Structure formats: structure tokens, C-alpha cells
Amino acid sequence: MTFGQKLKNIRKSFGFSQEQLANIMKVSRQAITKWESDMGLPDVSNLKELSKVFGMSVDSLLNNQEHLPCLHMRVELDKKKYKNKHSSYNEVLREYYGNFDIYVLTREKKMNKLEFLIDFFIGGFSPEAIYPIETADVLSDLSPYYLVCNGDEKLLVNIKDWFLDVSILPSDINVKKFSYGKNKFRNCGKLNVNKL
């Protein structure tokens, strides 16, 4: 797989247009077109930025392996562009994923038995809930998580501290309830960012 094919596959996996990637990279759309059509390579600074954005080494971007690694992307959001951190969530989702199906997720940490016992005795037991209150975990991450579906592509999206973090999920994942990394997620319903 050439660099251009790889870049195009990665961009499409994250559901981005050439223009959106160009905005993230602070280059022209024509530069992205040139790179994807193998008419040229990005300079060293742009290669480093691509590797930073897509969470992979420059070597991984440039080698001609056929299979892509598990992909994760991190984009710093422009603070000046949005009114404030919390109202920006829908604006960010609309800007990057407005044409896709977006679902709100709840997150809880997957706990081992020891963590569960500690949390059970320290956190207490809520009469309204079936599970013990995972106090420390809940307070450690109050940022929103979303599931973005685009055909077979499924993305786990988190907006935290002015960063957009996106991970590509396996295509066969259960969209109602799934585990990823150290977390368990539950689907709370569809979000229509275009009506907000």
C-alpha cells in the first residue's frame, strides 16, 4: 500500500473529507489531494503532525504494510472557534460528524474484583441502582463519549480538555453495549446534532 492509499484509507476510516483533514493539518485541500494521489509526500513537519494526529509513528505511515494498525486520532480543538467548552460539544460533533449517526454513551470503568470490593465498601450502595456507586471513577472522567456510525465504520468519540479523541472500533461491535480498553459503554440513544 502506498503512502497516498494509506493516508486516504485512514482519513476515510475517521469519516473525514479532504477539507476537514486539511483544516486539522493547517494545509490546503490541494496538498491532501496531492499526498493521497502519490504526487508528492508531505515535508518532515507535516509527516510529524500526521503521525501525532493519527497516533502512529512516521515509520508506520511511510512503510508499505497492507494492514493498518488499530487507529486512534487526537485533534486539538480551536478554543477561539467555540463559545465555551460545554456548548462546543454539539458544534464539534456537527462539524466533524454531522452527516453520520451519533449516539450518546455512558462510560464506566471495567473493574477487577479487588477494585469492585473497594468501591463497594467505600462508595456505598445506592438504593436506586443495581450497581455500587463508582464514585472515584465517575469523578475522574466527566467528559462525554459518543458512538459515531457510518455504515460499517464505528468510531468511539470523546471530547475532553479541548481535544477530540477518536478510536476506530471493530465493525462487529454491539452498538447497544460494548467494552473498549479499560471501559464499558452503554448506548443511551441517538443524538441529532443538526437540530440543536
C-alpha atoms as a PDB file:
ATOM      1  CA  MET A   1       0.000   0.000   0.000  1.00  0.00           C
ATOM      2  CA  THR A   2       1.445   3.377  -0.970  1.00  0.00           C
ATOM      3  CA  PHE A   3       1.593   6.339   1.387  1.00  0.00           C
ATOM      4  CA  GLY A   4      -1.233   8.035  -0.526  1.00  0.00           C
ATOM      5  CA  GLN A   5      -3.503   4.977  -0.355  1.00  0.00           C
ATOM      6  CA  LYS A   6      -2.772   4.596   3.357  1.00  0.00           C
ATOM      7  CA  LEU A   7      -3.493   8.262   4.082  1.00  0.00           C
ATOM      8  CA  LYS A   8      -6.759   8.085   2.128  1.00  0.00           C
ATOM      9  CA  ASN A   9      -7.841   4.902   3.964  1.00  0.00           C
ATOM     10  CA  ILE A  10      -7.037   6.411   7.351  1.00  0.00           C
ATOM     11  CA  ARG A  11      -8.840   9.670   6.530  1.00  0.00           C
ATOM     12  CA  LYS A  12     -11.939   7.818   5.316  1.00  0.00           C
ATOM     13  CA  SER A  13     -11.866   5.482   8.338  1.00  0.00           C
ATOM     14  CA  PHE A  14     -12.236   8.531  10.572  1.00  0.00           C
ATOM     15  CA  GLY A  15     -15.043   9.839   8.357  1.00  0.00           C
ATOM     16  CA  PHE A  16     -13.172  12.972   7.299  1.00  0.00           C
ATOM     17  CA  SER A  17     -13.276  14.773   3.999  1.00  0.00           C
ATOM     18  CA  GLN A  18     -10.055  16.052   2.467  1.00  0.00           C
ATOM     19  CA  GLU A  19     -11.068  19.546   3.512  1.00  0.00           C
ATOM     20  CA  GLN A  20     -11.569  18.524   7.147  1.00  0.00           C
ATOM     21  CA  LEU A  21      -8.150  16.858   7.279  1.00  0.00           C
ATOM     22  CA  ALA A  22      -6.624  19.912   5.600  1.00  0.00           C
ATOM     23  CA  ASN A  23      -8.136  22.143   8.320  1.00  0.00           C
ATOM     24  CA  ILE A  24      -6.743  19.889  11.056  1.00  0.00           C
ATOM     25  CA  MET A  25      -3.317  19.876   9.406  1.00  0.00           C
ATOM     26  CA  LYS A  26      -3.457  23.604   8.566  1.00  0.00           C
ATOM     27  CA  VAL A  27      -2.633  22.921   4.906  1.00  0.00           C
ATOM     28  CA  SER A  28      -4.634  23.340   1.689  1.00  0.00           C
ATOM     29  CA  ARG A  29      -7.083  20.723   0.453  1.00  0.00           C
ATOM     30  CA  GLN A  30      -4.936  20.512  -2.672  1.00  0.00           C
ATOM     31  CA  ALA A  31      -1.998  19.369  -0.517  1.00  0.00           C
ATOM     32  CA  ILE A  32      -4.085  16.481   0.839  1.00  0.00           C
ATOM     33  CA  THR A  33      -5.172  15.593  -2.723  1.00  0.00           C
ATOM     34  CA  LYS A  34      -1.533  15.656  -3.853  1.00  0.00           C
ATOM     35  CA  TRP A  35      -0.431  13.393  -0.987  1.00  0.00           C
ATOM     36  CA  GLU A  36      -3.315  10.942  -1.457  1.00  0.00           C
ATOM     37  CA  SER A  37      -2.712  10.647  -5.198  1.00  0.00           C
ATOM     38  CA  ASP A  38       1.001   9.937  -4.549  1.00  0.00           C
ATOM     39  CA  MET A  39       2.010  13.042  -6.489  1.00  0.00           C
ATOM     40  CA  GLY A  40       4.213  14.086  -3.578  1.00  0.00           C
ATOM     41  CA  LEU A  41       4.990  13.442   0.074  1.00  0.00           C
ATOM     42  CA  PRO A  42       4.411  15.787   2.997  1.00  0.00           C
ATOM     43  CA  ASP A  43       7.501  17.533   4.336  1.00  0.00           C
ATOM     44  CA  VAL A  44       9.008  16.331   7.622  1.00  0.00           C
ATOM     45  CA  SER A  45       6.970  18.714   9.805  1.00  0.00           C
ATOM     46  CA  ASN A  46       3.700  17.618   8.156  1.00  0.00           C
ATOM     47  CA  LEU A  47       4.665  13.937   8.485  1.00  0.00           C
ATOM     48  CA  LYS A  48       5.284  14.508  12.198  1.00  0.00           C
ATOM     49  CA  GLU A  49       1.933  16.275  12.532  1.00  0.00           C
ATOM     50  CA  LEU A  50       0.117  13.455  10.680  1.00  0.00           C
ATOM     51  CA  SER A  51       1.744  10.885  12.966  1.00  0.00           C
ATOM     52  CA  LYS A  52       0.719  12.938  16.012  1.00  0.00           C
ATOM     53  CA  VAL A  53      -2.877  13.377  14.802  1.00  0.00           C
ATOM     54  CA  PHE A  54      -3.335   9.701  13.906  1.00  0.00           C
ATOM     55  CA  GLY A  55      -1.382   8.340  16.877  1.00  0.00           C
ATOM     56  CA  MET A  56       1.072   6.318  14.815  1.00  0.00           C
ATOM     57  CA  SER A  57       4.765   6.586  14.071  1.00  0.00           C
ATOM     58  CA  VAL A  58       6.131   8.226  10.940  1.00  0.00           C
ATOM     59  CA  ASP A  59       7.581   4.801  10.031  1.00  0.00           C
ATOM     60  CA  SER A  60       4.088   3.261  10.193  1.00  0.00           C
ATOM     61  CA  LEU A  61       2.780   5.987   7.907  1.00  0.00           C
ATOM     62  CA  LEU A  62       5.571   5.519   5.374  1.00  0.00           C
ATOM     63  CA  ASN A  63       6.001   1.727   5.330  1.00  0.00           C
ATOM     64  CA  ASN A  64       4.105  -0.243   2.710  1.00  0.00           C
ATOM     65  CA  GLN A  65       2.287  -2.681   5.023  1.00  0.00           C
ATOM     66  CA  GLU A  66      -1.124  -3.731   3.763  1.00  0.00           C
ATOM     67  CA  HIS A  67      -2.828  -3.795   7.181  1.00  0.00           C
ATOM     68  CA  LEU A  68      -3.397  -0.687   9.225  1.00  0.00           C
ATOM     69  CA  PRO A  69      -2.792  -0.814  12.989  1.00  0.00           C
ATOM     70  CA  CYS A  70      -5.590  -0.040  15.473  1.00  0.00           C
ATOM     71  CA  LEU A  71      -6.169   3.596  14.743  1.00  0.00           C
ATOM     72  CA  HIS A  72      -6.633   6.394  17.235  1.00  0.00           C
ATOM     73  CA  MET A  73      -6.718  10.066  16.394  1.00  0.00           C
ATOM     74  CA  ARG A  74      -6.285  13.120  18.612  1.00  0.00           C
ATOM     75  CA  VAL A  75      -7.086  16.613  17.357  1.00  0.00           C
ATOM     76  CA  GLU A  76      -6.619  19.791  19.357  1.00  0.00           C
ATOM     77  CA  LEU A  77      -9.720  21.966  19.092  1.00  0.00           C
ATOM     78  CA  ASP A  78      -9.511  25.704  18.457  1.00  0.00           C
ATOM     79  CA  LYS A  79     -10.691  27.378  21.691  1.00  0.00           C
ATOM     80  CA  LYS A  80     -11.399  30.646  19.881  1.00  0.00           C
ATOM     81  CA  LYS A  81     -13.815  28.964  17.496  1.00  0.00           C
ATOM     82  CA  TYR A  82     -16.289  27.795  20.155  1.00  0.00           C
ATOM     83  CA  LYS A  83     -18.219  29.791  22.762  1.00  0.00           C
ATOM     84  CA  ASN A  84     -17.283  27.606  25.727  1.00  0.00           C
ATOM     85  CA  LYS A  85     -16.181  24.068  26.436  1.00  0.00           C
ATOM     86  CA  HIS A  86     -19.601  22.540  27.169  1.00  0.00           C
ATOM     87  CA  SER A  87     -21.647  24.187  24.416  1.00  0.00           C
ATOM     88  CA  SER A  88     -18.905  23.264  21.971  1.00  0.00           C
ATOM     89  CA  TYR A  89     -19.642  19.511  22.145  1.00  0.00           C
ATOM     90  CA  ASN A  90     -22.559  19.674  19.711  1.00  0.00           C
ATOM     91  CA  GLU A  91     -20.742  22.156  17.488  1.00  0.00           C
ATOM     92  CA  VAL A  92     -17.698  19.842  17.260  1.00  0.00           C
ATOM     93  CA  LEU A  93     -19.889  16.817  16.527  1.00  0.00           C
ATOM     94  CA  ARG A  94     -21.821  18.766  13.887  1.00  0.00           C
ATOM     95  CA  GLU A  95     -18.598  19.972  12.258  1.00  0.00           C
ATOM     96  CA  TYR A  96     -16.831  16.600  12.097  1.00  0.00           C
ATOM     97  CA  TYR A  97     -19.673  14.044  12.075  1.00  0.00           C
ATOM     98  CA  GLY A  98     -22.873  15.928  11.219  1.00  0.00           C
ATOM     99  CA  ASN A  99     -23.819  13.523   8.404  1.00  0.00           C
ATOM    100  CA  PHE A 100     -23.416  10.350  10.475  1.00  0.00           C
ATOM    101  CA  ASP A 101     -25.482   8.588  13.139  1.00  0.00           C
ATOM    102  CA  ILE A 102     -24.310   9.759  16.578  1.00  0.00           C
ATOM    103  CA  TYR A 103     -25.247   8.068  19.857  1.00  0.00           C
ATOM    104  CA  VAL A 104     -24.647   9.308  23.404  1.00  0.00           C
ATOM    105  CA  LEU A 105     -22.757   6.831  25.588  1.00  0.00           C
ATOM    106  CA  THR A 106     -22.356   6.315  29.310  1.00  0.00           C
ATOM    107  CA  ARG A 107     -18.980   5.086  30.479  1.00  0.00           C
ATOM    108  CA  GLU A 108     -17.874   3.088  33.453  1.00  0.00           C
ATOM    109  CA  LYS A 109     -14.537   1.538  34.222  1.00  0.00           C
ATOM    110  CA  LYS A 110     -14.166  -2.230  33.952  1.00  0.00           C
ATOM    111  CA  MET A 111     -13.160  -3.168  37.482  1.00  0.00           C
ATOM    112  CA  ASN A 112     -11.327  -6.219  38.723  1.00  0.00           C
ATOM    113  CA  LYS A 113     -12.636  -7.970  41.859  1.00  0.00           C
ATOM    114  CA  LEU A 114     -10.422  -6.020  44.246  1.00  0.00           C
ATOM    115  CA  GLU A 115     -11.430  -2.659  42.757  1.00  0.00           C
ATOM    116  CA  PHE A 116     -15.079  -3.728  42.887  1.00  0.00           C
ATOM    117  CA  LEU A 117     -14.845  -4.648  46.597  1.00  0.00           C
ATOM    118  CA  ILE A 118     -13.040  -1.427  47.485  1.00  0.00           C
ATOM    119  CA  ASP A 119     -15.575   0.623  45.547  1.00  0.00           C
ATOM    120  CA  PHE A 120     -18.462  -1.309  47.086  1.00  0.00           C
ATOM    121  CA  PHE A 121     -17.358  -0.610  50.661  1.00  0.00           C
ATOM    122  CA  ILE A 122     -16.084   2.938  50.124  1.00  0.00           C
ATOM    123  CA  GLY A 123     -18.644   4.106  47.554  1.00  0.00           C
ATOM    124  CA  GLY A 124     -21.612   2.605  49.308  1.00  0.00           C
ATOM    125  CA  PHE A 125     -24.670   1.106  47.754  1.00  0.00           C
ATOM    126  CA  SER A 126     -27.328   3.231  46.099  1.00  0.00           C
ATOM    127  CA  PRO A 127     -30.927   2.057  46.646  1.00  0.00           C
ATOM    128  CA  GLU A 128     -31.894   3.295  43.147  1.00  0.00           C
ATOM    129  CA  ALA A 129     -29.101   1.445  41.393  1.00  0.00           C
ATOM    130  CA  ILE A 130     -28.284  -2.164  40.840  1.00  0.00           C
ATOM    131  CA  TYR A 131     -24.547  -1.480  40.875  1.00  0.00           C
ATOM    132  CA  PRO A 132     -22.458   0.181  43.586  1.00  0.00           C
ATOM    133  CA  ILE A 133     -21.636   3.838  43.027  1.00  0.00           C
ATOM    134  CA  GLU A 134     -18.289   4.028  41.284  1.00  0.00           C
ATOM    135  CA  THR A 135     -17.527   7.356  42.885  1.00  0.00           C
ATOM    136  CA  ALA A 136     -13.833   7.726  42.143  1.00  0.00           C
ATOM    137  CA  ASP A 137     -14.200   6.517  38.558  1.00  0.00           C
ATOM    138  CA  VAL A 138     -17.160   8.773  37.767  1.00  0.00           C
ATOM    139  CA  LEU A 139     -15.416  11.838  39.141  1.00  0.00           C
ATOM    140  CA  SER A 140     -12.168  11.031  37.314  1.00  0.00           C
ATOM    141  CA  ASP A 141     -13.740  11.414  33.869  1.00  0.00           C
ATOM    142  CA  LEU A 142     -16.847  13.530  33.360  1.00  0.00           C
ATOM    143  CA  SER A 143     -16.203  14.078  29.657  1.00  0.00           C
ATOM    144  CA  PRO A 144     -18.795  12.998  27.075  1.00  0.00           C
ATOM    145  CA  TYR A 145     -18.420   9.888  24.933  1.00  0.00           C
ATOM    146  CA  TYR A 146     -20.213   9.234  21.650  1.00  0.00           C
ATOM    147  CA  LEU A 147     -20.569   6.374  19.207  1.00  0.00           C
ATOM    148  CA  VAL A 148     -20.446   7.544  15.588  1.00  0.00           C
ATOM    149  CA  CYS A 149     -21.672   5.102  12.931  1.00  0.00           C
ATOM    150  CA  ASN A 150     -21.003   5.472   9.234  1.00  0.00           C
ATOM    151  CA  GLY A 151     -22.052   2.255   7.513  1.00  0.00           C
ATOM    152  CA  ASP A 152     -19.680  -0.433   8.753  1.00  0.00           C
ATOM    153  CA  GLU A 153     -17.335   2.116  10.341  1.00  0.00           C
ATOM    154  CA  LYS A 154     -17.873   2.665  14.067  1.00  0.00           C
ATOM    155  CA  LEU A 155     -15.988   5.347  15.961  1.00  0.00           C
ATOM    156  CA  LEU A 156     -15.648   5.987  19.686  1.00  0.00           C
ATOM    157  CA  VAL A 157     -15.500   9.774  20.125  1.00  0.00           C
ATOM    158  CA  ASN A 158     -14.502  11.601  23.311  1.00  0.00           C
ATOM    159  CA  ILE A 159     -14.265  15.370  23.760  1.00  0.00           C
ATOM    160  CA  LYS A 160     -12.087  16.347  26.706  1.00  0.00           C
ATOM    161  CA  ASP A 161      -9.902  19.324  27.608  1.00  0.00           C
ATOM    162  CA  TRP A 162     -10.232  20.888  24.141  1.00  0.00           C
ATOM    163  CA  PHE A 163      -9.190  17.658  22.403  1.00  0.00           C
ATOM    164  CA  LEU A 164     -11.210  15.419  20.108  1.00  0.00           C
ATOM    165  CA  ASP A 165     -10.138  11.798  20.638  1.00  0.00           C
ATOM    166  CA  VAL A 166     -11.403   9.247  18.126  1.00  0.00           C
ATOM    167  CA  SER A 167     -10.788   5.485  18.074  1.00  0.00           C
ATOM    168  CA  ILE A 168     -11.891   3.160  15.307  1.00  0.00           C
ATOM    169  CA  LEU A 169     -13.911   0.295  16.785  1.00  0.00           C
ATOM    170  CA  PRO A 170     -14.245  -3.216  15.340  1.00  0.00           C
ATOM    171  CA  SER A 171     -17.067  -3.290  12.783  1.00  0.00           C
ATOM    172  CA  ASP A 172     -18.818  -6.196  14.540  1.00  0.00           C
ATOM    173  CA  ILE A 173     -19.105  -4.404  17.894  1.00  0.00           C
ATOM    174  CA  ASN A 174     -22.511  -4.415  19.633  1.00  0.00           C
ATOM    175  CA  VAL A 175     -23.706  -0.806  19.418  1.00  0.00           C
ATOM    176  CA  LYS A 176     -26.026  -1.163  22.449  1.00  0.00           C
ATOM    177  CA  LYS A 177     -23.376  -2.226  24.994  1.00  0.00           C
ATOM    178  CA  PHE A 178     -19.650  -2.822  24.483  1.00  0.00           C
ATOM    179  CA  SER A 179     -16.247  -2.768  26.140  1.00  0.00           C
ATOM    180  CA  TYR A 180     -13.232  -0.962  24.770  1.00  0.00           C
ATOM    181  CA  GLY A 181      -9.910  -0.563  26.536  1.00  0.00           C
ATOM    182  CA  LYS A 182     -10.490  -0.235  30.277  1.00  0.00           C
ATOM    183  CA  ASN A 183     -14.073   0.989  29.918  1.00  0.00           C
ATOM    184  CA  LYS A 184     -17.582  -0.352  29.416  1.00  0.00           C
ATOM    185  CA  PHE A 185     -20.029   1.712  27.369  1.00  0.00           C
ATOM    186  CA  ARG A 186     -23.828   1.748  27.104  1.00  0.00           C
ATOM    187  CA  ASN A 187     -25.785   3.395  24.321  1.00  0.00           C
ATOM    188  CA  CYS A 188     -28.263   5.992  25.683  1.00  0.00           C
ATOM    189  CA  GLY A 189     -29.865   6.894  22.375  1.00  0.00           C
ATOM    190  CA  LYS A 190     -29.391   8.785  19.167  1.00  0.00           C
ATOM    191  CA  LEU A 191     -28.328  12.428  19.139  1.00  0.00           C
ATOM    192  CA  ASN A 192     -29.402  14.751  16.345  1.00  0.00           C
ATOM    193  CA  VAL A 193     -26.750  17.476  16.371  1.00  0.00           C
ATOM    194  CA  ASN A 194     -28.288  19.231  13.366  1.00  0.00           C
ATOM    195  CA  LYS A 195     -31.416  20.131  15.360  1.00  0.00           C
ATOM    196  CA  LEU A 196     -29.517  21.529  18.353  1.00  0.00           C
END
